[in-house]
Amino acid sequence: MTELLADDSINLVACPYFLNPRGYVWMALALLLDVPMSISDLHFIHPWHIKGWASALGMNAELVTTVDRNWAYGSRLLKDFDKRLHNALGDAKLPTDKVDNYLKCLSNLVQYLDTANSCPGLDASTVFYNFVT
């Protein structure tokens, strides 16, 4: 991470990052169905928030990179969802009987994204920005 730091900058790491398949699912569950998320998923931080915060400081937010793509698109996403979807839907008193079928579909997406070229900068579960003057 130190290699990513710009001189005379303030650095912000947003984790989890929600502009990826994992984030889209969590946002839909939380915002549409009031499904309880973990403490780390209580606030959805997006690039427009980060750019607004930088602007309020008289700075620009420059996207440096994203990291940990496996949580956003890979096998860790599938393992996490296998556990968390059952728990979160159960906590919300919603049925969980279709979770396994959904995970099979999501597995196909993960396999596809592993072979496709994805958009750099918007493809991971964590993003790293430099705020520069």
N, C-alpha and C. Protein backbone atom coordinates (compact mmCIF):
# COMPACT_ATOMS: atom_id res chain seq x y z
N MET A 1 0.83 -1.20 0.00
CA MET A 1 0.00 0.00 0.00
C MET A 1 0.87 1.26 0.00
N THR A 2 2.05 1.21 0.63
CA THR A 2 2.87 2.41 0.67
C THR A 2 3.30 2.86 -0.71
N GLU A 3 3.40 1.93 -1.65
CA GLU A 3 3.75 2.30 -3.02
C GLU A 3 2.64 3.09 -3.70
N LEU A 4 1.41 2.98 -3.19
CA LEU A 4 0.27 3.67 -3.78
C LEU A 4 0.11 5.09 -3.24
N LEU A 5 0.79 5.41 -2.16
CA LEU A 5 0.63 6.71 -1.54
C LEU A 5 1.27 7.81 -2.38
N ALA A 6 0.55 8.89 -2.56
CA ALA A 6 1.09 10.05 -3.26
C ALA A 6 1.65 11.02 -2.23
N ASP A 7 2.74 11.69 -2.60
CA ASP A 7 3.28 12.71 -1.71
C ASP A 7 2.24 13.80 -1.50
N ASP A 8 2.20 14.35 -0.29
CA ASP A 8 1.28 15.45 0.04
C ASP A 8 -0.17 15.11 -0.26
N SER A 9 -0.60 13.93 0.10
CA SER A 9 -1.99 13.55 -0.12
C SER A 9 -2.58 12.98 1.17
N ILE A 10 -3.88 12.97 1.20
CA ILE A 10 -4.62 12.26 2.23
C ILE A 10 -5.14 11.00 1.55
N ASN A 11 -5.04 9.88 2.21
CA ASN A 11 -5.46 8.63 1.57
C ASN A 11 -6.71 8.09 2.23
N LEU A 12 -7.57 7.51 1.41
CA LEU A 12 -8.82 6.93 1.89
C LEU A 12 -8.95 5.54 1.31
N VAL A 13 -9.25 4.60 2.14
CA VAL A 13 -9.54 3.24 1.70
C VAL A 13 -11.00 2.97 2.04
N ALA A 14 -11.78 2.58 1.06
CA ALA A 14 -13.20 2.26 1.27
C ALA A 14 -13.36 0.75 1.18
N CYS A 15 -13.76 0.14 2.30
CA CYS A 15 -13.93 -1.30 2.33
C CYS A 15 -15.06 -1.62 3.29
N PRO A 16 -16.09 -2.30 2.92
CA PRO A 16 -16.25 -2.87 1.59
C PRO A 16 -16.68 -1.83 0.57
N TYR A 17 -16.38 -2.13 -0.67
CA TYR A 17 -16.73 -1.31 -1.81
C TYR A 17 -17.92 -2.01 -2.47
N PHE A 18 -18.89 -1.25 -2.94
CA PHE A 18 -20.15 -1.86 -3.33
C PHE A 18 -20.47 -1.83 -4.83
N LEU A 19 -19.59 -1.29 -5.66
CA LEU A 19 -19.88 -1.27 -7.09
C LEU A 19 -19.27 -2.51 -7.74
N ASN A 20 -19.86 -3.64 -7.38
CA ASN A 20 -19.45 -4.95 -7.88
C ASN A 20 -20.61 -5.91 -7.57
N PRO A 21 -20.60 -7.13 -8.10
CA PRO A 21 -21.73 -8.03 -7.85
C PRO A 21 -22.07 -8.23 -6.37
N ARG A 22 -21.07 -8.37 -5.53
CA ARG A 22 -21.32 -8.55 -4.11
C ARG A 22 -22.07 -7.34 -3.55
N GLY A 23 -21.60 -6.17 -3.90
CA GLY A 23 -22.22 -4.95 -3.40
C GLY A 23 -23.63 -4.75 -3.91
N TYR A 24 -23.86 -5.08 -5.17
CA TYR A 24 -25.21 -4.91 -5.72
C TYR A 24 -26.22 -5.78 -4.97
N VAL A 25 -25.81 -7.00 -4.64
CA VAL A 25 -26.70 -7.90 -3.90
C VAL A 25 -26.97 -7.33 -2.51
N TRP A 26 -25.92 -6.93 -1.80
CA TRP A 26 -26.11 -6.40 -0.44
C TRP A 26 -26.96 -5.14 -0.44
N MET A 27 -26.70 -4.24 -1.40
CA MET A 27 -27.51 -3.02 -1.45
C MET A 27 -28.97 -3.35 -1.71
N ALA A 28 -29.24 -4.27 -2.61
CA ALA A 28 -30.63 -4.65 -2.90
C ALA A 28 -31.31 -5.24 -1.67
N LEU A 29 -30.63 -6.15 -1.00
CA LEU A 29 -31.22 -6.76 0.19
C LEU A 29 -31.48 -5.73 1.28
N ALA A 30 -30.50 -4.88 1.52
CA ALA A 30 -30.64 -3.89 2.60
C ALA A 30 -31.65 -2.81 2.26
N LEU A 31 -31.59 -2.28 1.05
CA LEU A 31 -32.42 -1.13 0.70
C LEU A 31 -33.84 -1.51 0.28
N LEU A 32 -34.00 -2.67 -0.34
CA LEU A 32 -35.32 -3.08 -0.80
C LEU A 32 -36.07 -3.94 0.22
N LEU A 33 -35.34 -4.77 0.95
CA LEU A 33 -36.00 -5.74 1.82
C LEU A 33 -35.67 -5.57 3.30
N ASP A 34 -34.90 -4.53 3.65
CA ASP A 34 -34.50 -4.29 5.04
C ASP A 34 -33.83 -5.51 5.68
N VAL A 35 -33.05 -6.23 4.90
CA VAL A 35 -32.31 -7.37 5.43
C VAL A 35 -31.12 -6.82 6.22
N PRO A 36 -30.95 -7.25 7.47
CA PRO A 36 -29.83 -6.73 8.27
C PRO A 36 -28.49 -7.20 7.71
N MET A 37 -27.58 -6.28 7.61
CA MET A 37 -26.24 -6.59 7.14
C MET A 37 -25.29 -6.60 8.33
N SER A 38 -24.05 -6.92 8.09
CA SER A 38 -23.06 -6.86 9.16
C SER A 38 -22.73 -5.40 9.46
N ILE A 39 -22.03 -5.17 10.53
CA ILE A 39 -21.69 -3.80 10.93
C ILE A 39 -20.90 -3.10 9.83
N SER A 40 -20.03 -3.82 9.13
CA SER A 40 -19.21 -3.18 8.09
C SER A 40 -20.03 -2.81 6.86
N ASP A 41 -21.23 -3.33 6.73
CA ASP A 41 -22.05 -3.05 5.56
C ASP A 41 -23.21 -2.08 5.85
N LEU A 42 -23.09 -1.29 6.89
CA LEU A 42 -24.18 -0.40 7.26
C LEU A 42 -24.25 0.85 6.39
N HIS A 43 -23.14 1.26 5.83
CA HIS A 43 -23.11 2.47 5.01
C HIS A 43 -22.52 2.11 3.65
N PHE A 44 -23.21 2.50 2.61
CA PHE A 44 -22.74 2.23 1.27
C PHE A 44 -21.97 3.46 0.79
N ILE A 45 -20.66 3.33 0.69
CA ILE A 45 -19.81 4.43 0.26
C ILE A 45 -19.50 4.24 -1.21
N HIS A 46 -19.81 5.28 -1.98
CA HIS A 46 -19.65 5.23 -3.44
C HIS A 46 -18.68 6.31 -3.91
N PRO A 47 -18.21 6.21 -5.15
CA PRO A 47 -17.27 7.21 -5.66
C PRO A 47 -17.79 8.65 -5.54
N TRP A 48 -19.10 8.86 -5.73
CA TRP A 48 -19.62 10.23 -5.65
C TRP A 48 -19.54 10.76 -4.23
N HIS A 49 -19.63 9.89 -3.22
CA HIS A 49 -19.43 10.33 -1.84
C HIS A 49 -17.98 10.76 -1.63
N ILE A 50 -17.07 9.92 -2.07
CA ILE A 50 -15.65 10.18 -1.89
C ILE A 50 -15.24 11.46 -2.60
N LYS A 51 -15.72 11.64 -3.82
CA LYS A 51 -15.40 12.87 -4.57
C LYS A 51 -15.99 14.10 -3.87
N GLY A 52 -17.18 13.96 -3.29
CA GLY A 52 -17.80 15.06 -2.54
C GLY A 52 -17.01 15.42 -1.29
N TRP A 53 -16.54 14.40 -0.57
CA TRP A 53 -15.73 14.66 0.62
C TRP A 53 -14.44 15.37 0.26
N ALA A 54 -13.80 14.91 -0.82
CA ALA A 54 -12.56 15.55 -1.26
C ALA A 54 -12.83 17.00 -1.66
N SER A 55 -13.90 17.21 -2.41
CA SER A 55 -14.25 18.57 -2.84
C SER A 55 -14.47 19.48 -1.64
N ALA A 56 -15.13 18.97 -0.60
CA ALA A 56 -15.37 19.77 0.60
C ALA A 56 -14.06 20.17 1.29
N LEU A 57 -13.01 19.39 1.05
CA LEU A 57 -11.69 19.70 1.60
C LEU A 57 -10.85 20.53 0.63
N GLY A 58 -11.45 20.93 -0.51
CA GLY A 58 -10.70 21.66 -1.53
C GLY A 58 -9.71 20.78 -2.26
N MET A 59 -10.04 19.49 -2.39
CA MET A 59 -9.14 18.53 -3.02
C MET A 59 -9.88 17.77 -4.12
N ASN A 60 -9.14 16.98 -4.86
CA ASN A 60 -9.71 16.06 -5.85
C ASN A 60 -9.42 14.64 -5.39
N ALA A 61 -10.37 13.76 -5.58
CA ALA A 61 -10.15 12.34 -5.26
C ALA A 61 -9.77 11.64 -6.55
N GLU A 62 -8.60 11.03 -6.54
CA GLU A 62 -8.11 10.29 -7.70
C GLU A 62 -8.13 8.81 -7.37
N LEU A 63 -8.89 8.05 -8.14
CA LEU A 63 -8.91 6.60 -7.94
C LEU A 63 -7.53 6.04 -8.26
N VAL A 64 -6.98 5.32 -7.32
CA VAL A 64 -5.66 4.73 -7.51
C VAL A 64 -5.80 3.31 -8.03
N THR A 65 -6.55 2.49 -7.30
CA THR A 65 -6.70 1.10 -7.69
C THR A 65 -7.81 0.45 -6.87
N THR A 66 -8.16 -0.72 -7.24
CA THR A 66 -9.02 -1.56 -6.40
C THR A 66 -8.20 -2.79 -6.04
N VAL A 67 -8.55 -3.38 -4.93
CA VAL A 67 -7.83 -4.57 -4.49
C VAL A 67 -8.82 -5.61 -4.00
N ASP A 68 -8.35 -6.82 -3.87
CA ASP A 68 -9.12 -7.93 -3.32
C ASP A 68 -10.35 -8.26 -4.17
N ARG A 69 -10.11 -8.41 -5.46
CA ARG A 69 -11.17 -8.71 -6.42
C ARG A 69 -11.90 -10.01 -6.09
N ASN A 70 -11.23 -10.93 -5.42
CA ASN A 70 -11.81 -12.24 -5.11
C ASN A 70 -13.04 -12.12 -4.21
N TRP A 71 -13.08 -11.12 -3.32
CA TRP A 71 -14.28 -10.90 -2.50
C TRP A 71 -15.43 -10.37 -3.33
N ALA A 72 -15.13 -9.60 -4.35
CA ALA A 72 -16.16 -8.95 -5.14
C ALA A 72 -16.72 -9.86 -6.23
N TYR A 73 -15.87 -10.71 -6.79
CA TYR A 73 -16.26 -11.51 -7.95
C TYR A 73 -15.89 -12.98 -7.87
N GLY A 74 -15.09 -13.38 -6.88
CA GLY A 74 -14.49 -14.70 -6.94
C GLY A 74 -15.02 -15.71 -5.95
N SER A 75 -14.18 -16.70 -5.69
CA SER A 75 -14.59 -17.81 -4.83
C SER A 75 -14.87 -17.37 -3.40
N ARG A 76 -14.19 -16.32 -2.93
CA ARG A 76 -14.47 -15.83 -1.58
C ARG A 76 -15.87 -15.21 -1.52
N LEU A 77 -16.32 -14.60 -2.60
CA LEU A 77 -17.69 -14.09 -2.67
C LEU A 77 -18.67 -15.24 -2.48
N LEU A 78 -18.45 -16.33 -3.17
CA LEU A 78 -19.37 -17.47 -3.09
C LEU A 78 -19.38 -18.07 -1.69
N LYS A 79 -18.22 -18.22 -1.07
CA LYS A 79 -18.14 -18.77 0.27
C LYS A 79 -18.82 -17.83 1.27
N ASP A 80 -18.57 -16.53 1.14
CA ASP A 80 -19.17 -15.54 2.03
C ASP A 80 -20.69 -15.54 1.88
N PHE A 81 -21.18 -15.53 0.65
CA PHE A 81 -22.63 -15.52 0.42
C PHE A 81 -23.30 -16.80 0.90
N ASP A 82 -22.62 -17.93 0.75
CA ASP A 82 -23.20 -19.18 1.21
C ASP A 82 -23.52 -19.09 2.70
N LYS A 83 -22.65 -18.48 3.46
CA LYS A 83 -22.88 -18.31 4.90
C LYS A 83 -23.83 -17.14 5.17
N ARG A 84 -23.52 -15.97 4.61
CA ARG A 84 -24.21 -14.75 5.01
C ARG A 84 -25.63 -14.64 4.49
N LEU A 85 -25.91 -15.12 3.30
CA LEU A 85 -27.28 -15.01 2.78
C LEU A 85 -28.24 -15.82 3.62
N HIS A 86 -27.86 -17.04 3.97
CA HIS A 86 -28.73 -17.83 4.84
C HIS A 86 -28.98 -17.11 6.16
N ASN A 87 -27.91 -16.60 6.76
CA ASN A 87 -28.04 -15.92 8.06
C ASN A 87 -28.83 -14.63 7.96
N ALA A 88 -28.50 -13.78 6.99
CA ALA A 88 -29.16 -12.47 6.88
C ALA A 88 -30.64 -12.62 6.54
N LEU A 89 -30.96 -13.48 5.60
CA LEU A 89 -32.37 -13.69 5.25
C LEU A 89 -33.13 -14.31 6.42
N GLY A 90 -32.51 -15.26 7.10
CA GLY A 90 -33.14 -15.86 8.28
C GLY A 90 -33.40 -14.83 9.37
N ASP A 91 -32.41 -13.95 9.61
CA ASP A 91 -32.59 -12.89 10.61
C ASP A 91 -33.73 -11.95 10.24
N ALA A 92 -33.94 -11.75 8.94
CA ALA A 92 -35.03 -10.89 8.48
C ALA A 92 -36.35 -11.65 8.36
N LYS A 93 -36.36 -12.90 8.77
CA LYS A 93 -37.55 -13.76 8.70
C LYS A 93 -38.03 -13.94 7.26
N LEU A 94 -37.07 -14.00 6.34
CA LEU A 94 -37.36 -14.24 4.93
C LEU A 94 -36.95 -15.66 4.59
N PRO A 95 -37.58 -16.26 3.58
CA PRO A 95 -37.25 -17.65 3.23
C PRO A 95 -35.81 -17.77 2.71
N THR A 96 -35.20 -18.89 3.02
CA THR A 96 -33.84 -19.15 2.56
C THR A 96 -33.77 -20.35 1.61
N ASP A 97 -34.92 -20.90 1.26
CA ASP A 97 -34.94 -22.13 0.47
C ASP A 97 -34.42 -21.96 -0.96
N LYS A 98 -34.30 -20.74 -1.45
CA LYS A 98 -33.83 -20.53 -2.82
C LYS A 98 -32.39 -20.02 -2.87
N VAL A 99 -31.75 -19.92 -1.72
CA VAL A 99 -30.37 -19.40 -1.68
C VAL A 99 -29.43 -20.30 -2.46
N ASP A 100 -29.54 -21.59 -2.30
CA ASP A 100 -28.62 -22.50 -3.00
C ASP A 100 -28.75 -22.37 -4.51
N ASN A 101 -29.97 -22.23 -5.01
CA ASN A 101 -30.17 -22.04 -6.44
C ASN A 101 -29.56 -20.72 -6.90
N TYR A 102 -29.72 -19.68 -6.10
CA TYR A 102 -29.13 -18.38 -6.42
C TYR A 102 -27.60 -18.49 -6.45
N LEU A 103 -27.03 -19.22 -5.49
CA LEU A 103 -25.58 -19.37 -5.45
C LEU A 103 -25.05 -20.11 -6.67
N LYS A 104 -25.82 -21.04 -7.20
CA LYS A 104 -25.42 -21.73 -8.43
C LYS A 104 -25.35 -20.73 -9.59
N CYS A 105 -26.33 -19.86 -9.67
CA CYS A 105 -26.35 -18.82 -10.70
C CYS A 105 -25.17 -17.88 -10.51
N LEU A 106 -24.93 -17.47 -9.29
CA LEU A 106 -23.83 -16.57 -8.99
C LEU A 106 -22.50 -17.23 -9.30
N SER A 107 -22.41 -18.52 -9.09
CA SER A 107 -21.19 -19.26 -9.42
C SER A 107 -20.89 -19.16 -10.91
N ASN A 108 -21.92 -19.22 -11.74
CA ASN A 108 -21.73 -19.06 -13.18
C ASN A 108 -21.20 -17.67 -13.51
N LEU A 109 -21.72 -16.66 -12.82
CA LEU A 109 -21.23 -15.29 -13.02
C LEU A 109 -19.76 -15.20 -12.63
N VAL A 110 -19.39 -15.79 -11.51
CA VAL A 110 -18.00 -15.76 -11.05
C VAL A 110 -17.10 -16.42 -12.09
N GLN A 111 -17.50 -17.56 -12.61
CA GLN A 111 -16.70 -18.25 -13.63
C GLN A 111 -16.57 -17.39 -14.88
N TYR A 112 -17.66 -16.73 -15.28
CA TYR A 112 -17.62 -15.88 -16.46
C TYR A 112 -16.67 -14.70 -16.26
N LEU A 113 -16.78 -14.05 -15.11
CA LEU A 113 -15.95 -12.87 -14.85
C LEU A 113 -14.48 -13.22 -14.72
N ASP A 114 -14.18 -14.44 -14.33
CA ASP A 114 -12.79 -14.87 -14.28
C ASP A 114 -12.17 -14.95 -15.66
N THR A 115 -12.99 -15.10 -16.69
CA THR A 115 -12.47 -15.23 -18.05
C THR A 115 -12.68 -13.97 -18.89
N ALA A 116 -13.48 -13.03 -18.39
CA ALA A 116 -13.79 -11.83 -19.16
C ALA A 116 -12.91 -10.67 -18.71
N ASN A 117 -12.72 -9.72 -19.61
CA ASN A 117 -12.03 -8.48 -19.23
C ASN A 117 -13.03 -7.60 -18.52
N SER A 118 -12.71 -7.22 -17.31
CA SER A 118 -13.62 -6.36 -16.57
C SER A 118 -13.07 -4.94 -16.52
N CYS A 119 -13.91 -4.03 -16.12
CA CYS A 119 -13.57 -2.62 -16.09
C CYS A 119 -12.55 -2.33 -15.00
N PRO A 120 -11.32 -1.94 -15.35
CA PRO A 120 -10.35 -1.62 -14.30
C PRO A 120 -10.85 -0.46 -13.45
N GLY A 121 -10.64 -0.55 -12.18
CA GLY A 121 -11.04 0.52 -11.29
C GLY A 121 -12.40 0.32 -10.67
N LEU A 122 -13.20 -0.58 -11.20
CA LEU A 122 -14.53 -0.80 -10.64
C LEU A 122 -14.80 -2.29 -10.48
N ASP A 123 -13.78 -3.04 -10.14
CA ASP A 123 -13.97 -4.48 -10.15
C ASP A 123 -13.52 -5.20 -8.88
N ALA A 124 -13.51 -4.51 -7.75
CA ALA A 124 -13.02 -5.19 -6.56
C ALA A 124 -13.84 -4.81 -5.34
N SER A 125 -13.53 -5.41 -4.22
CA SER A 125 -14.30 -5.15 -3.01
C SER A 125 -13.73 -4.01 -2.18
N THR A 126 -12.55 -3.53 -2.51
CA THR A 126 -11.92 -2.43 -1.79
C THR A 126 -11.33 -1.48 -2.82
N VAL A 127 -11.46 -0.19 -2.58
CA VAL A 127 -10.86 0.80 -3.47
C VAL A 127 -9.90 1.65 -2.68
N PHE A 128 -8.95 2.23 -3.35
CA PHE A 128 -7.94 3.07 -2.74
C PHE A 128 -7.87 4.37 -3.52
N TYR A 129 -8.09 5.49 -2.84
CA TYR A 129 -8.04 6.82 -3.46
C TYR A 129 -6.94 7.64 -2.81
N ASN A 130 -6.35 8.54 -3.57
CA ASN A 130 -5.51 9.61 -3.02
C ASN A 130 -6.30 10.90 -3.13
N PHE A 131 -6.37 11.68 -2.06
CA PHE A 131 -6.93 13.02 -2.10
C PHE A 131 -5.73 13.95 -2.30
N VAL A 132 -5.73 14.68 -3.41
CA VAL A 132 -4.60 15.54 -3.71
C VAL A 132 -5.04 16.97 -3.92
N THR A 133 -4.16 17.89 -3.62
CA THR A 133 -4.49 19.31 -3.80
C THR A 133 -4.04 19.78 -5.16
